[in-house]
Structures are given as C-alpha cells and as structure tokens.
C-alpha atoms as a PDB file:
ATOM      1  CA  UNK A   1     -15.348  -3.368  11.998  1.00  0.00           C
ATOM      2  CA  UNK A   2     -14.485  -6.736  13.362  1.00  0.00           C
ATOM      3  CA  UNK A   3     -12.354  -6.923  16.221  1.00  0.00           C
ATOM      4  CA  UNK A   4      -9.487  -9.341  16.921  1.00  0.00           C
ATOM      5  CA  UNK A   5      -7.589  -9.684  20.071  1.00  0.00           C
ATOM      6  CA  UNK A   6      -4.041 -10.921  19.916  1.00  0.00           C
ATOM      7  CA  UNK A   7      -1.810  -9.203  22.515  1.00  0.00           C
ATOM      8  CA  UNK A   8       1.519 -10.733  20.851  1.00  0.00           C
ATOM      9  CA  UNK A   9       0.553  -9.483  17.599  1.00  0.00           C
ATOM     10  CA  UNK A  10      -0.400  -6.057  19.007  1.00  0.00           C
ATOM     11  CA  UNK A  11       2.851  -5.704  20.756  1.00  0.00           C
ATOM     12  CA  UNK A  12       5.146  -7.122  18.021  1.00  0.00           C
ATOM     13  CA  UNK A  13       3.611  -5.420  14.933  1.00  0.00           C
ATOM     14  CA  UNK A  14       5.282  -1.987  13.844  1.00  0.00           C
ATOM     15  CA  UNK A  15       2.967   1.134  13.437  1.00  0.00           C
ATOM     16  CA  UNK A  16       1.912   1.342   9.742  1.00  0.00           C
ATOM     17  CA  UNK A  17       3.136  -2.411   9.094  1.00  0.00           C
ATOM     18  CA  UNK A  18       1.074  -4.273   6.444  1.00  0.00           C
ATOM     19  CA  UNK A  19      -0.763  -7.344   7.827  1.00  0.00           C
ATOM     20  CA  UNK A  20      -2.980  -9.935   6.154  1.00  0.00           C
ATOM     21  CA  UNK A  21      -6.008 -10.876   8.389  1.00  0.00           C
ATOM     22  CA  UNK A  22      -8.107 -13.892   7.930  1.00  0.00           C
ATOM     23  CA  UNK A  23     -11.294 -13.459  10.091  1.00  0.00           C
ATOM     24  CA  UNK A  24     -12.371 -17.008   9.423  1.00  0.00           C
ATOM     25  CA  UNK A  25      -9.298 -18.692  10.807  1.00  0.00           C
ATOM     26  CA  UNK A  26      -7.972 -16.121  13.071  1.00  0.00           C
ATOM     27  CA  UNK A  27      -4.850 -15.938  11.451  1.00  0.00           C
ATOM     28  CA  UNK A  28      -2.772 -12.498  11.254  1.00  0.00           C
ATOM     29  CA  UNK A  29       0.181 -12.489   9.226  1.00  0.00           C
ATOM     30  CA  UNK A  30       2.821  -9.777   9.098  1.00  0.00           C
ATOM     31  CA  UNK A  31       3.724  -9.135   5.342  1.00  0.00           C
ATOM     32  CA  UNK A  32       7.097  -7.868   5.841  1.00  0.00           C
ATOM     33  CA  UNK A  33       8.464 -10.630   7.905  1.00  0.00           C
ATOM     34  CA  UNK A  34       5.850 -13.422   7.422  1.00  0.00           C
ATOM     35  CA  UNK A  35       5.373 -13.712  11.141  1.00  0.00           C
ATOM     36  CA  UNK A  36       1.914 -15.284  12.203  1.00  0.00           C
ATOM     37  CA  UNK A  37      -0.097 -14.914  15.002  1.00  0.00           C
ATOM     38  CA  UNK A  38      -3.057 -16.677  15.901  1.00  0.00           C
ATOM     39  CA  UNK A  39      -6.398 -14.943  17.427  1.00  0.00           C
ATOM     40  CA  UNK A  40      -9.826 -16.490  17.883  1.00  0.00           C
ATOM     41  CA  UNK A  41     -11.634 -16.826  14.570  1.00  0.00           C
ATOM     42  CA  UNK A  42     -14.568 -14.492  14.230  1.00  0.00           C
ATOM     43  CA  UNK A  43     -17.912 -15.907  14.403  1.00  0.00           C
ATOM     44  CA  UNK A  44     -19.468 -17.173  10.740  1.00  0.00           C
ATOM     45  CA  UNK A  45     -22.063 -14.356  10.768  1.00  0.00           C
ATOM     46  CA  UNK A  46     -19.552 -11.647  11.405  1.00  0.00           C
ATOM     47  CA  UNK A  47     -17.385 -13.102   8.377  1.00  0.00           C
ATOM     48  CA  UNK A  48     -20.202 -12.999   6.156  1.00  0.00           C
ATOM     49  CA  UNK A  49     -21.302  -9.552   7.030  1.00  0.00           C
ATOM     50  CA  UNK A  50     -17.590  -8.229   6.589  1.00  0.00           C
ATOM     51  CA  UNK A  51     -17.550 -10.141   3.055  1.00  0.00           C
ATOM     52  CA  UNK A  52     -20.922  -8.640   2.137  1.00  0.00           C
ATOM     53  CA  UNK A  53     -19.743  -5.126   3.242  1.00  0.00           C
ATOM     54  CA  UNK A  54     -16.452  -5.611   1.177  1.00  0.00           C
ATOM     55  CA  UNK A  55     -18.501  -6.798  -1.722  1.00  0.00           C
ATOM     56  CA  UNK A  56     -20.682  -3.693  -1.580  1.00  0.00           C
ATOM     57  CA  UNK A  57     -17.895  -1.513  -1.397  1.00  0.00           C
ATOM     58  CA  UNK A  58     -16.138  -2.928  -4.326  1.00  0.00           C
ATOM     59  CA  UNK A  59     -19.267  -2.666  -6.434  1.00  0.00           C
ATOM     60  CA  UNK A  60     -19.616   1.037  -5.283  1.00  0.00           C
ATOM     61  CA  UNK A  61     -16.000   1.644  -6.443  1.00  0.00           C
ATOM     62  CA  UNK A  62     -16.572  -0.083  -9.814  1.00  0.00           C
ATOM     63  CA  UNK A  63     -19.767   2.033 -10.440  1.00  0.00           C
ATOM     64  CA  UNK A  64     -17.924   5.144  -9.325  1.00  0.00           C
ATOM     65  CA  UNK A  65     -14.822   4.317 -11.588  1.00  0.00           C
ATOM     66  CA  UNK A  66     -16.733   3.230 -14.709  1.00  0.00           C
ATOM     67  CA  UNK A  67     -20.135   4.796 -14.337  1.00  0.00           C
ATOM     68  CA  UNK A  68     -23.351   3.289 -14.587  1.00  0.00           C
ATOM     69  CA  UNK A  69     -26.100   4.397 -17.192  1.00  0.00           C
ATOM     70  CA  UNK A  70     -28.969   2.257 -16.486  1.00  0.00           C
END
C-alpha cells in the first residue's frame, strides 16, 4: 500500500471517515466536509503499480461474480 504523510489531515480526519486520495497529485479530500489537504505526490512508478493492482483486483472480482468458462 502506498503511504502518504500529511499531519494536518491525520489530526483533522475523523476515525472511519470517508476520504478520496489522488496519489498522482497528493490530494486528500474528506468527503463529508469537502476539506482538502495536500501531501507529496507519489512517484509515477508507485501510481502505476497501484493502478495495475486495482485493475487486477477488479478483474478478479468480475471473474468471481460472473464466472469464467474459458
């Protein structure tokens, strides 16, 4: 899992809160209030690896849900 450091966000965000994270830009947005925090963007290779992992996980879920016969 990629790690983003943003002390303000860590202190302000509620436990269990829903956030949207953009690794490429370093943007962290709290969905309930719209508060935005800025962290260092992740390196391009980390963003690419994360996207690839997400795609593989999605493909796996589709195969499990819909089945695959060939």
